[in-house]
Amino acid sequence: MKKNIFYLALALVALQIAGCKKDGFLQDGSFSGGNDITQAQLWANPDYARNFLNNVYSVLSDRYNVDNGGAMFASASDEAVNSNQNSSITTITNGTWSPVKTFDDVYADMYVGIRKANMFLENVDGSAVIPLDETLPANNPANQTYASQVDRLEGQAYFLRAFFQFELLKRYGSFPIVTRTLTVDDDLDLPRNTFDQCVAQISADCEEAISRLPLSPSEWSTAHRGRATQTAAMALKARLLLYAASPQYNPNNDLTKWQAAADAAKRLMDTGKHSIYSSYPNIWLWNNGAFNSETIFATQTLNTNTIEQNNAPVSYDAANGRTNPTQELVDAFEMKTTGRLISDGASGYVATNPYANRDPRLNFAIMYNGSTFKSKPVETFVGGKDGLNLNVNATKTGYYMRKYLSENAAWASTTTNVRRPWIFFRYAEVLLNYAEALNEAQGTAAQTEILRLLNLIRNRAGVAMPALQTTNPAGNGYVISSQSELRKRIHNERRVELCFEEHRFYDVRRWKEGETTFNKPVTGMRIAKTGATTYTYTPFTVENRVFTANNYLFPIAQNELNKAPGLGQNPGY
């Protein structure tokens, strides 16, 4: 049954189509420069091959606005509530998610990217390529040969194809593997491959990329940093294998899968090319687009102020206050003085002064009553200038997101944009991936090494949380005594360190904890001002949330199934 299941990804096959994009290439990677051009002419032009690859990168997009109304994906998990109660992101959490009511359905877009990558890989070898001095050291003849340049181009295409495939895998559980350019003459009613086959394909593409690419961003010349690297492919493979080892996909707890995930993360760590960056808030606020030591792979830097417009508190030049952190996320941040969770009776937490002496990352990631932004206090108490339910955009939880926001951005009487990327892979995640996989594979035998790595993250300059440890001769701090206790602390460290980065949504699913963690209300904090500097704090339910067994995976959109019944629907939809 020859039907198009991939929208434009498979339909636009002619290289003579008019209607060019700004860079001269259509969304499927075909060329249109105003005059008809044959495929042979395209690949014979030294400039076009590189432009074609640049167009493959164009499928990547930042994740600062997933509903075209300023929502971030954190609001699809227990990290946040979106202040716009009519946002389509509520589809995921209110029980209406279905094949006819989808959200973040990237199915077609990812196949656009896969098709572009396939076309490039099929044609670049033997094509004309402008020689560029694109890697360091400069003017190294060995890096400027035709073969070395084509290798680097192919490596980038393999990485991007692997990336697009993983985006399908983590949402839908499996997908049809397509490694060649399909045409309308092919049978396009393709069944999905198995999960294991998809993992093997993505792993193979990562290895092809690793064999061809510069080691890390610092090996690319400055103008080319942001392109794929070996460490980016290693990071992707490490995340892939961590997912494959997790309970969602490894119900029998095959420990060899956990060890494979640990080995993949360790491979990147052993390159020595990345490290924990000294300033947590500035990981995302790049100076002139320069890569910091923690960034492994990211989008191009956006020169924008819309992130602040969408998420700053409402009194700041009428910002929209979209992403409202939940009390559940706030409670995950430990006490600075003891390194203990606030639920621990020995933590030192004081309910009448709830934000005092907390993990500094709380202040870096979340604005609470009394925080400072743009040299002004944030007032989330009832009746405050940013207060609870003050207007339709005001916080619904008593909190606003701070992470990613720049105090230099302006959008009212003056306009000031700030350069930000969306970071897909950073080194702290790699360390957390390694710690989790090693704990599951080896348990207490690996505790010393696991805690060392967790403490590298916790000891970042400006954070300096008490070390997690296996012994406590001084009688203070928090002691890890078992594999299960270490598992809980690793999970919580991921929740805190990686908040708002789209990990929580998938972490809870791969841990098979959705029915208990996401299938319940999320809460906020109602703050009442009782004096000049005194307040009362009352937790309250903000939203009821729904999670059923089918919600571990995304539904396949009904219009895709209508075109290709062979895809099959995910269970329960």
Protein backbone atom coordinates (compact mmCIF):
# COMPACT_ATOMS: atom_id res chain seq x y z
CA MET A 1 0.00 0.00 0.00
CA LYS A 2 1.80 3.04 -1.28
CA LYS A 3 0.80 5.83 1.02
CA ASN A 4 2.80 8.68 2.36
CA ILE A 5 3.27 8.25 6.10
CA PHE A 6 5.87 10.92 6.51
CA TYR A 7 4.19 14.11 5.18
CA LEU A 8 6.74 16.28 3.41
CA ALA A 9 9.55 13.99 4.45
CA LEU A 10 8.64 11.49 1.77
CA ALA A 11 6.37 13.45 -0.56
CA LEU A 12 8.76 16.12 -1.81
CA VAL A 13 11.09 14.05 -3.95
CA ALA A 14 11.59 16.24 -7.01
CA LEU A 15 14.66 18.44 -7.16
CA GLN A 16 12.95 20.83 -9.55
CA ILE A 17 10.30 22.19 -7.16
CA ALA A 18 9.92 25.95 -6.97
CA GLY A 19 9.31 28.01 -3.85
CA CYS A 20 12.73 28.26 -2.23
CA LYS A 21 13.58 28.76 1.43
CA LYS A 22 15.92 31.53 2.51
CA ASP A 23 18.92 29.21 2.20
CA GLY A 24 17.77 27.84 -1.13
CA PHE A 25 16.69 24.40 0.09
CA LEU A 26 13.23 23.00 0.62
CA GLN A 27 12.15 21.36 3.86
CA ASP A 28 13.00 17.90 2.56
CA GLY A 29 16.50 18.99 1.60
CA SER A 30 15.87 19.37 -2.12
CA PHE A 31 17.21 22.44 -3.90
CA SER A 32 15.25 25.27 -5.43
CA GLY A 33 17.14 28.32 -6.56
CA GLY A 34 14.60 29.83 -8.87
CA ASN A 35 15.73 27.82 -11.89
CA ASP A 36 15.38 24.11 -12.45
CA ILE A 37 18.46 22.16 -11.47
CA THR A 38 19.14 18.48 -11.73
CA GLN A 39 20.40 16.36 -8.87
CA ALA A 40 23.68 15.84 -10.70
CA GLN A 41 24.14 19.59 -11.03
CA LEU A 42 23.35 20.07 -7.35
CA TRP A 43 26.07 17.71 -6.14
CA ALA A 44 28.53 19.01 -8.71
CA ASN A 45 28.34 22.51 -7.23
CA PRO A 46 31.01 22.84 -4.48
CA ASP A 47 28.85 25.10 -2.32
CA TYR A 48 25.59 23.16 -2.45
CA ALA A 49 26.75 20.02 -0.64
CA ARG A 50 27.69 21.94 2.48
CA ASN A 51 24.49 23.99 2.30
CA PHE A 52 22.54 20.77 2.04
CA LEU A 53 24.09 19.54 5.29
CA ASN A 54 23.37 22.88 6.96
CA ASN A 55 19.76 22.32 6.03
CA VAL A 56 19.79 19.00 7.87
CA TYR A 57 20.77 20.92 11.00
CA SER A 58 17.76 23.17 10.44
CA VAL A 59 15.47 20.40 11.70
CA LEU A 60 16.91 20.91 15.18
CA SER A 61 14.92 23.40 17.21
CA ASP A 62 15.06 24.88 20.68
CA ARG A 63 12.50 23.82 23.29
CA TYR A 64 11.71 27.15 24.92
CA ASN A 65 8.24 27.34 23.39
CA VAL A 66 6.51 24.04 22.68
CA ASP A 67 2.92 25.21 22.26
CA ASN A 68 3.50 28.46 20.35
CA GLY A 69 2.27 30.25 23.46
CA GLY A 70 5.39 30.22 25.60
CA ALA A 71 4.94 26.85 27.33
CA MET A 72 7.90 24.71 28.28
CA PHE A 73 7.69 20.93 28.40
CA ALA A 74 8.27 20.99 32.16
CA SER A 75 4.54 21.73 32.47
CA ALA A 76 3.82 18.27 31.03
CA SER A 77 5.47 16.76 34.13
CA ASP A 78 5.28 17.42 37.87
CA GLU A 79 7.93 20.14 37.55
CA ALA A 80 5.57 22.94 36.58
CA VAL A 81 2.11 24.24 35.74
CA ASN A 82 1.53 26.49 32.76
CA SER A 83 -0.09 29.80 33.68
CA ASN A 84 -2.16 29.69 30.49
CA GLN A 85 -4.84 27.24 31.51
CA ASN A 86 -5.96 26.97 27.87
CA SER A 87 -2.56 25.82 26.62
CA SER A 88 -2.60 22.65 24.57
CA ILE A 89 0.14 21.26 26.84
CA THR A 90 -2.59 20.35 29.33
CA THR A 91 -3.61 17.61 26.90
CA ILE A 92 -0.81 15.45 28.33
CA THR A 93 -1.81 15.88 31.97
CA ASN A 94 -5.61 16.07 32.01
CA GLY A 95 -6.48 12.69 30.54
CA THR A 96 -7.42 13.85 27.02
CA TRP A 97 -4.19 12.80 25.28
CA SER A 98 -5.17 10.62 22.34
CA PRO A 99 -4.47 9.82 18.66
CA VAL A 100 -6.80 12.65 17.66
CA LYS A 101 -5.54 15.07 20.30
CA THR A 102 -1.77 14.94 20.22
CA PHE A 103 0.91 17.23 21.60
CA ASP A 104 4.59 17.58 20.69
CA ASP A 105 3.97 15.20 17.81
CA VAL A 106 7.33 15.40 16.02
CA TYR A 107 6.77 12.30 13.90
CA ALA A 108 6.71 14.06 10.54
CA ASP A 109 9.46 16.55 11.39
CA MET A 110 11.89 13.83 12.47
CA TYR A 111 11.34 11.96 9.21
CA VAL A 112 12.02 15.19 7.34
CA GLY A 113 15.38 15.24 9.09
CA ILE A 114 16.02 11.55 8.49
CA ARG A 115 15.19 11.93 4.81
CA LYS A 116 17.56 14.87 4.47
CA ALA A 117 20.34 12.95 6.21
CA ASN A 118 19.76 9.92 3.96
CA MET A 119 19.86 12.04 0.80
CA PHE A 120 23.09 13.63 1.96
CA LEU A 121 24.78 10.34 2.80
CA GLU A 122 23.78 8.86 -0.54
CA ASN A 123 25.24 11.74 -2.54
CA VAL A 124 28.09 13.44 -0.72
CA ASP A 125 30.82 10.92 -1.49
CA GLY A 126 32.10 11.93 -4.91
CA SER A 127 30.36 15.28 -4.86
CA ALA A 128 32.16 18.59 -5.19
CA VAL A 129 33.01 20.04 -1.78
CA ILE A 130 34.55 23.43 -1.08
CA PRO A 131 37.70 22.77 0.97
CA LEU A 132 37.50 24.59 4.29
CA ASP A 133 40.03 25.05 7.06
CA GLU A 134 37.42 24.07 9.63
CA THR A 135 39.30 22.22 12.36
CA LEU A 136 42.23 22.92 14.65
CA PRO A 137 45.15 23.16 14.42
CA ALA A 138 44.72 25.60 11.57
CA ASN A 139 46.32 24.96 8.20
CA ASN A 140 46.88 21.27 8.89
CA PRO A 141 47.02 19.69 5.41
CA ALA A 142 45.86 16.32 6.74
CA ASN A 143 42.57 17.89 7.85
CA GLN A 144 41.97 19.55 4.50
CA THR A 145 42.10 16.59 2.14
CA TYR A 146 38.96 15.72 0.24
CA ALA A 147 38.60 12.43 2.11
CA SER A 148 38.90 14.03 5.55
CA GLN A 149 36.40 16.74 4.68
CA VAL A 150 33.85 14.25 3.36
CA ASP A 151 34.38 12.12 6.47
CA ARG A 152 33.50 15.05 8.70
CA LEU A 153 30.44 15.85 6.61
CA GLU A 154 29.25 12.25 6.70
CA GLY A 155 29.90 12.06 10.44
CA GLN A 156 27.61 15.00 11.04
CA ALA A 157 24.86 13.44 8.93
CA TYR A 158 25.14 10.13 10.81
CA PHE A 159 24.90 11.94 14.14
CA LEU A 160 21.89 13.97 13.06
CA ARG A 161 20.10 10.89 11.74
CA ALA A 162 20.78 9.14 15.06
CA PHE A 163 19.48 12.18 16.94
CA PHE A 164 16.23 12.32 14.94
CA GLN A 165 15.74 8.57 15.38
CA PHE A 166 16.18 8.84 19.15
CA GLU A 167 13.59 11.61 19.29
CA LEU A 168 11.14 9.15 17.71
CA LEU A 169 12.20 6.28 19.97
CA LYS A 170 11.79 8.09 23.28
CA ARG A 171 8.29 9.25 22.33
CA TYR A 172 6.78 6.33 20.45
CA GLY A 173 8.81 3.36 21.69
CA SER A 174 9.78 2.26 18.17
CA PHE A 175 9.65 3.50 14.60
CA PRO A 176 10.14 2.31 11.00
CA ILE A 177 13.87 2.33 10.33
CA VAL A 178 14.54 4.15 7.05
CA THR A 179 18.17 4.40 5.95
CA ARG A 180 17.70 5.28 2.30
CA THR A 181 15.78 7.90 0.36
CA LEU A 182 12.29 6.58 -0.30
CA THR A 183 10.25 7.67 -3.29
CA VAL A 184 6.57 7.57 -4.18
CA ASP A 185 7.29 4.31 -6.00
CA ASP A 186 8.24 2.56 -2.75
CA ASP A 187 5.81 0.78 -0.45
CA LEU A 188 5.41 3.41 2.26
CA ASP A 189 3.05 1.47 4.52
CA LEU A 190 5.97 0.45 6.69
CA PRO A 191 5.64 -1.40 9.99
CA ARG A 192 7.63 -0.25 12.97
CA ASN A 193 10.81 -2.07 13.86
CA THR A 194 11.24 -3.51 17.35
CA PHE A 195 12.63 -1.41 20.17
CA ASP A 196 15.87 -3.42 20.19
CA GLN A 197 16.30 -3.04 16.43
CA CYS A 198 15.85 0.72 16.78
CA VAL A 199 18.42 0.87 19.58
CA ALA A 200 20.88 -1.08 17.45
CA GLN A 201 20.34 1.26 14.48
CA ILE A 202 20.83 4.42 16.53
CA SER A 203 23.92 2.92 18.18
CA ALA A 204 25.36 2.05 14.80
CA ASP A 205 24.81 5.57 13.51
CA CYS A 206 26.50 6.97 16.61
CA GLU A 207 29.52 4.76 15.97
CA GLU A 208 29.67 5.86 12.33
CA ALA A 209 29.65 9.46 13.56
CA ILE A 210 32.33 8.83 16.19
CA SER A 211 34.64 7.30 13.59
CA ARG A 212 34.49 10.43 11.43
CA LEU A 213 34.07 13.52 13.60
CA PRO A 214 36.38 15.84 15.54
CA LEU A 215 36.57 14.78 19.18
CA SER A 216 34.82 17.74 20.84
CA PRO A 217 33.73 21.32 20.18
CA SER A 218 37.24 22.59 20.91
CA GLU A 219 38.58 20.71 17.86
CA TRP A 220 36.35 22.68 15.51
CA SER A 221 37.53 26.15 14.59
CA THR A 222 35.52 28.87 16.31
CA ALA A 223 33.20 29.50 13.37
CA HIS A 224 32.20 25.81 13.26
CA ARG A 225 31.61 25.12 16.94
CA GLY A 226 28.10 23.88 17.40
CA ARG A 227 28.54 21.18 14.78
CA ALA A 228 28.39 17.53 15.78
CA THR A 229 31.37 15.94 17.50
CA GLN A 230 32.47 12.55 18.79
CA THR A 231 31.50 13.54 22.33
CA ALA A 232 28.02 14.56 21.13
CA ALA A 233 27.56 11.12 19.56
CA MET A 234 28.92 9.50 22.73
CA ALA A 235 26.46 11.49 24.85
CA LEU A 236 23.56 10.46 22.62
CA LYS A 237 24.57 6.80 22.79
CA ALA A 238 24.98 6.98 26.58
CA ARG A 239 21.46 8.41 26.97
CA LEU A 240 20.05 5.88 24.52
CA LEU A 241 21.55 2.92 26.39
CA LEU A 242 20.42 4.32 29.75
CA TYR A 243 16.85 4.36 28.45
CA ALA A 244 17.27 0.84 27.06
CA ALA A 245 18.49 -0.41 30.46
CA SER A 246 15.68 1.22 32.44
CA PRO A 247 12.61 -0.66 33.77
CA GLN A 248 10.33 0.64 31.00
CA TYR A 249 12.35 -1.25 28.40
CA ASN A 250 14.27 -3.73 30.59
CA PRO A 251 11.56 -5.32 32.77
CA ASN A 252 13.73 -8.31 33.63
CA ASN A 253 16.53 -6.01 34.88
CA ASP A 254 19.26 -7.41 32.66
CA LEU A 255 22.32 -6.00 34.43
CA THR A 256 24.44 -6.22 31.28
CA LYS A 257 22.29 -3.46 29.79
CA TRP A 258 23.00 -1.23 32.78
CA GLN A 259 26.72 -1.94 32.45
CA ALA A 260 26.60 -1.11 28.75
CA ALA A 261 24.99 2.22 29.60
CA ALA A 262 27.67 2.90 32.23
CA ASP A 263 30.44 2.02 29.77
CA ALA A 264 28.98 4.38 27.16
CA ALA A 265 28.97 7.30 29.60
CA LYS A 266 32.45 6.45 30.87
CA ARG A 267 33.76 6.50 27.31
CA LEU A 268 32.87 10.18 27.05
CA MET A 269 34.20 10.95 30.51
CA ASP A 270 37.53 9.36 29.64
CA THR A 271 38.07 11.79 26.76
CA GLY A 272 38.75 14.52 29.32
CA LYS A 273 37.22 17.08 26.96
CA HIS A 274 34.34 18.24 29.17
CA SER A 275 33.98 19.29 32.79
CA ILE A 276 31.53 20.84 35.24
CA TYR A 277 31.26 24.55 34.45
CA SER A 278 31.95 26.89 37.33
CA SER A 279 28.73 28.92 37.17
CA TYR A 280 25.41 27.06 37.12
CA PRO A 281 23.27 30.07 36.07
CA ASN A 282 25.60 30.92 33.20
CA ILE A 283 25.65 27.50 31.56
CA TRP A 284 22.90 28.73 29.20
CA LEU A 285 23.90 32.40 28.97
CA TRP A 286 26.74 32.26 26.46
CA ASN A 287 29.17 35.06 25.85
CA ASN A 288 29.17 35.68 22.11
CA GLY A 289 27.97 32.14 21.53
CA ALA A 290 31.13 30.54 22.94
CA PHE A 291 30.88 26.95 24.15
CA ASN A 292 31.56 26.48 27.86
CA SER A 293 33.28 23.37 29.18
CA GLU A 294 30.02 21.67 30.16
CA THR A 295 28.18 22.03 26.86
CA ILE A 296 28.45 19.01 24.58
CA PHE A 297 25.83 19.76 21.92
CA ALA A 298 23.33 22.59 21.55
CA THR A 299 21.29 24.51 19.04
CA GLN A 300 22.63 27.67 17.49
CA THR A 301 22.55 30.56 19.92
CA LEU A 302 19.27 32.45 19.80
CA ASN A 303 19.42 36.23 20.02
CA THR A 304 16.12 36.78 21.80
CA ASN A 305 14.17 38.21 24.70
CA THR A 306 11.07 36.05 24.26
CA ILE A 307 12.23 33.57 26.90
CA GLU A 308 11.99 36.35 29.49
CA GLN A 309 8.77 37.77 28.04
CA ASN A 310 7.17 34.35 28.30
CA ASN A 311 8.43 33.36 31.74
CA ALA A 312 9.36 36.36 33.91
CA PRO A 313 6.96 37.36 36.72
CA VAL A 314 3.98 39.40 35.57
CA SER A 315 5.04 42.72 37.13
CA TYR A 316 8.21 42.81 35.05
CA ASP A 317 7.05 44.77 32.03
CA ALA A 318 3.88 42.69 31.70
CA ALA A 319 5.68 39.38 31.18
CA ASN A 320 3.53 36.28 30.80
CA GLY A 321 4.84 34.21 33.73
CA ARG A 322 4.17 31.00 31.83
CA THR A 323 6.21 28.30 33.63
CA ASN A 324 5.16 28.00 37.28
CA PRO A 325 7.24 25.48 39.25
CA THR A 326 5.31 23.15 41.54
CA GLN A 327 5.72 22.69 45.26
CA GLU A 328 6.82 19.13 44.48
CA LEU A 329 9.85 20.46 42.61
CA VAL A 330 10.63 23.08 45.27
CA ASP A 331 10.54 20.39 47.96
CA ALA A 332 13.14 18.33 46.08
CA PHE A 333 15.87 20.87 46.83
CA GLU A 334 17.79 19.82 49.92
CA MET A 335 18.93 21.87 52.89
CA LYS A 336 22.27 23.56 52.33
CA THR A 337 23.42 23.10 55.90
CA THR A 338 22.84 19.35 56.18
CA GLY A 339 22.52 18.01 52.65
CA ARG A 340 19.28 16.32 53.67
CA LEU A 341 15.86 16.38 52.02
CA ILE A 342 13.35 18.60 53.81
CA SER A 343 11.22 15.52 54.56
CA ASP A 344 14.06 14.30 56.80
CA GLY A 345 13.41 15.32 60.41
CA ALA A 346 17.12 16.03 60.86
CA SER A 347 17.35 18.34 57.83
CA GLY A 348 16.93 21.62 59.69
CA TYR A 349 14.00 22.70 57.51
CA VAL A 350 11.75 25.35 59.07
CA ALA A 351 8.25 25.45 57.58
CA THR A 352 7.73 29.08 58.67
CA ASN A 353 10.86 30.13 56.75
CA PRO A 354 10.78 27.58 53.92
CA TYR A 355 13.34 29.04 51.50
CA ALA A 356 16.14 29.70 53.97
CA ASN A 357 19.35 27.66 53.87
CA ARG A 358 18.29 25.65 50.82
CA ASP A 359 20.39 24.20 48.01
CA PRO A 360 21.56 27.31 46.07
CA ARG A 361 20.25 25.75 42.88
CA LEU A 362 16.75 26.52 44.17
CA ASN A 363 17.47 30.23 43.82
CA PHE A 364 19.19 29.69 40.47
CA ALA A 365 16.23 27.76 39.02
CA ILE A 366 13.10 29.12 40.72
CA MET A 367 11.76 32.51 41.78
CA TYR A 368 9.91 32.38 45.09
CA ASN A 369 8.52 35.11 47.33
CA GLY A 370 11.45 37.32 48.29
CA SER A 371 13.67 36.37 45.34
CA THR A 372 15.29 39.18 43.40
CA PHE A 373 15.06 39.58 39.63
CA LYS A 374 16.31 42.60 37.74
CA SER A 375 17.20 44.21 41.09
CA LYS A 376 13.56 44.10 42.23
CA PRO A 377 11.93 41.76 44.76
CA VAL A 378 9.53 39.10 43.52
CA GLU A 379 6.22 39.21 45.37
CA THR A 380 4.21 36.02 45.02
CA PHE A 381 2.15 36.45 48.20
CA VAL A 382 -1.57 36.94 47.74
CA GLY A 383 -2.03 40.58 46.73
CA GLY A 384 1.65 41.02 45.81
CA LYS A 385 2.64 42.51 42.47
CA ASP A 386 3.41 39.01 41.13
CA GLY A 387 0.91 37.35 43.41
CA LEU A 388 -1.01 34.16 43.15
CA ASN A 389 -3.80 34.43 40.56
CA LEU A 390 -3.36 38.22 40.37
CA ASN A 391 -4.39 38.09 36.72
CA VAL A 392 -4.78 35.46 34.02
CA ASN A 393 -1.01 35.18 33.51
CA ALA A 394 0.07 35.36 37.15
CA THR A 395 1.55 32.33 38.87
CA LYS A 396 -0.81 29.48 39.62
CA THR A 397 1.60 27.85 42.09
CA GLY A 398 3.26 30.74 43.95
CA TYR A 399 6.47 30.35 41.93
CA TYR A 400 8.06 31.43 38.65
CA MET A 401 10.87 29.81 36.67
CA ARG A 402 14.24 31.57 36.84
CA LYS A 403 16.47 29.11 34.98
CA TYR A 404 17.45 30.28 31.46
CA LEU A 405 16.36 33.87 32.14
CA SER A 406 18.81 36.74 31.70
CA GLU A 407 18.56 39.92 33.75
CA ASN A 408 20.03 41.79 30.77
CA ALA A 409 17.08 41.06 28.49
CA ALA A 410 14.58 43.90 27.98
CA TRP A 411 11.31 44.02 26.04
CA ALA A 412 9.37 47.14 27.05
CA SER A 413 10.54 50.71 26.42
CA THR A 414 13.87 49.36 25.17
CA THR A 415 14.68 46.07 23.52
CA THR A 416 17.71 44.04 24.50
CA ASN A 417 18.20 40.52 23.19
CA VAL A 418 20.48 37.95 24.79
CA ARG A 419 22.13 34.99 23.10
CA ARG A 420 20.99 31.60 24.40
CA PRO A 421 21.14 28.09 22.99
CA TRP A 422 18.99 25.12 23.90
CA ILE A 423 21.49 22.61 25.26
CA PHE A 424 20.69 19.03 24.25
CA PHE A 425 23.63 17.40 26.04
CA ARG A 426 25.75 18.66 28.91
CA TYR A 427 28.38 17.01 31.04
CA ALA A 428 26.41 16.96 34.32
CA GLU A 429 23.84 14.70 32.67
CA VAL A 430 26.59 12.34 31.50
CA LEU A 431 27.90 12.04 35.08
CA LEU A 432 24.37 11.39 36.34
CA ASN A 433 23.78 8.81 33.61
CA TYR A 434 26.99 7.05 34.60
CA ALA A 435 26.16 7.15 38.31
CA GLU A 436 22.70 5.70 37.79
CA ALA A 437 23.81 2.94 35.42
CA LEU A 438 26.79 1.98 37.58
CA ASN A 439 24.65 1.81 40.72
CA GLU A 440 22.19 -0.52 38.99
CA ALA A 441 24.93 -2.67 37.44
CA GLN A 442 27.30 -2.96 40.42
CA GLY A 443 25.50 -1.68 43.51
CA THR A 444 27.46 -1.04 46.70
CA ALA A 445 30.71 -2.20 45.09
CA ALA A 446 30.76 1.03 43.07
CA GLN A 447 29.45 3.44 45.73
CA THR A 448 32.71 5.28 46.30
CA GLU A 449 33.10 6.15 42.61
CA ILE A 450 29.43 7.02 42.22
CA LEU A 451 29.48 9.40 45.16
CA ARG A 452 32.66 11.02 43.89
CA LEU A 453 30.93 11.90 40.64
CA LEU A 454 27.72 13.08 42.29
CA ASN A 455 29.79 15.31 44.53
CA LEU A 456 31.53 16.86 41.51
CA ILE A 457 28.13 18.20 40.51
CA ARG A 458 27.09 19.14 44.04
CA ASN A 459 30.38 20.95 44.67
CA ARG A 460 30.09 23.26 41.67
CA ALA A 461 31.22 26.80 42.51
CA GLY A 462 28.30 28.71 43.99
CA VAL A 463 26.48 25.50 44.91
CA ALA A 464 28.88 23.69 47.29
CA MET A 465 26.36 21.27 48.76
CA PRO A 466 27.53 18.92 51.53
CA ALA A 467 29.14 15.81 50.12
CA LEU A 468 27.20 12.57 49.97
CA GLN A 469 29.32 9.94 51.70
CA THR A 470 29.44 6.32 52.86
CA THR A 471 30.88 7.11 56.27
CA ASN A 472 30.43 10.11 58.52
CA PRO A 473 33.08 10.31 61.23
CA ALA A 474 32.34 14.00 61.87
CA GLY A 475 28.69 13.29 62.64
CA ASN A 476 27.21 15.68 60.07
CA GLY A 477 26.06 15.45 56.48
CA TYR A 478 24.15 12.61 54.85
CA VAL A 479 25.36 8.99 54.71
CA ILE A 480 24.44 6.59 51.91
CA SER A 481 24.12 3.06 53.27
CA SER A 482 22.55 0.95 50.49
CA GLN A 483 22.01 0.62 46.77
CA SER A 484 18.32 1.56 47.11
CA GLU A 485 19.15 4.68 49.12
CA LEU A 486 21.75 5.71 46.56
CA ARG A 487 19.18 5.13 43.79
CA LYS A 488 16.81 7.58 45.49
CA ARG A 489 19.52 10.20 45.83
CA ILE A 490 20.63 9.81 42.20
CA HIS A 491 17.03 10.21 41.07
CA ASN A 492 16.61 13.30 43.20
CA GLU A 493 19.90 14.78 42.02
CA ARG A 494 18.69 14.41 38.42
CA ARG A 495 15.43 16.09 39.37
CA VAL A 496 17.20 19.10 40.87
CA GLU A 497 20.22 19.50 38.59
CA LEU A 498 18.34 18.91 35.33
CA CYS A 499 15.04 20.62 36.14
CA PHE A 500 13.21 22.21 33.19
CA GLU A 501 15.56 20.47 30.70
CA GLU A 502 12.96 17.88 29.60
CA HIS A 503 14.47 14.98 31.51
CA ARG A 504 11.86 14.58 34.26
CA PHE A 505 9.05 13.77 31.79
CA TYR A 506 11.03 10.83 30.38
CA ASP A 507 12.87 9.81 33.56
CA VAL A 508 9.66 9.05 35.44
CA ARG A 509 8.43 7.04 32.48
CA ARG A 510 11.59 5.00 31.99
CA TRP A 511 11.64 4.26 35.75
CA LYS A 512 8.03 2.96 35.35
CA GLU A 513 6.82 5.29 38.10
CA GLY A 514 4.22 7.22 36.12
CA GLU A 515 1.11 5.82 37.82
CA THR A 516 2.37 6.81 41.27
CA THR A 517 4.31 10.01 40.49
CA PHE A 518 2.26 11.68 37.76
CA ASN A 519 -1.22 10.33 38.55
CA LYS A 520 -1.96 12.73 41.40
CA PRO A 521 -2.44 16.44 42.03
CA VAL A 522 0.37 18.94 41.83
CA THR A 523 0.52 21.60 44.50
CA GLY A 524 1.64 25.16 45.11
CA MET A 525 2.19 27.50 48.06
CA ARG A 526 -0.35 30.11 49.10
CA ILE A 527 1.50 32.87 50.95
CA ALA A 528 -0.36 35.42 53.06
CA LYS A 529 1.40 38.54 54.30
CA THR A 530 0.75 39.04 58.03
CA GLY A 531 3.21 41.85 58.78
CA ALA A 532 5.98 43.93 57.25
CA THR A 533 8.27 40.88 56.98
CA THR A 534 6.09 38.00 58.17
CA TYR A 535 4.07 35.50 56.17
CA THR A 536 2.09 32.32 56.51
CA TYR A 537 2.64 29.43 54.11
CA THR A 538 -0.16 27.05 53.14
CA PRO A 539 0.26 24.32 50.50
CA PHE A 540 -2.74 23.85 48.22
CA THR A 541 -3.78 21.75 45.22
CA VAL A 542 -3.25 23.51 41.90
CA GLU A 543 -4.23 20.87 39.36
CA ASN A 544 -5.40 17.30 39.37
CA ARG A 545 -3.29 15.22 37.03
CA VAL A 546 -4.09 11.99 35.19
CA PHE A 547 -1.64 9.27 34.15
CA THR A 548 -2.71 5.85 32.89
CA ALA A 549 -0.65 2.90 31.69
CA ASN A 550 -0.89 3.90 28.03
CA ASN A 551 0.69 7.29 28.80
CA TYR A 552 4.19 5.82 29.04
CA LEU A 553 4.36 6.30 25.27
CA PHE A 554 2.98 8.94 22.92
CA PRO A 555 -0.01 8.01 20.76
CA ILE A 556 0.58 7.61 17.06
CA ALA A 557 -1.50 10.34 15.44
CA GLN A 558 -4.63 9.01 13.82
CA ASN A 559 -3.88 10.75 10.54
CA GLU A 560 -0.60 8.80 10.37
CA LEU A 561 -2.43 5.53 10.97
CA ASN A 562 -4.99 6.41 8.31
CA LYS A 563 -2.14 6.76 5.83
CA ALA A 564 -0.18 3.71 7.00
CA PRO A 565 -2.11 1.16 9.05
CA GLY A 566 1.03 -0.96 9.21
CA LEU A 567 2.45 1.39 11.85
CA GLY A 568 0.13 0.04 14.52
CA GLN A 569 -1.02 2.05 17.52
CA ASN A 570 0.68 2.08 20.91
CA PRO A 571 -1.16 0.04 23.55
CA GLY A 572 -4.17 1.62 25.23
CA TYR A 573 -4.89 4.35 22.68
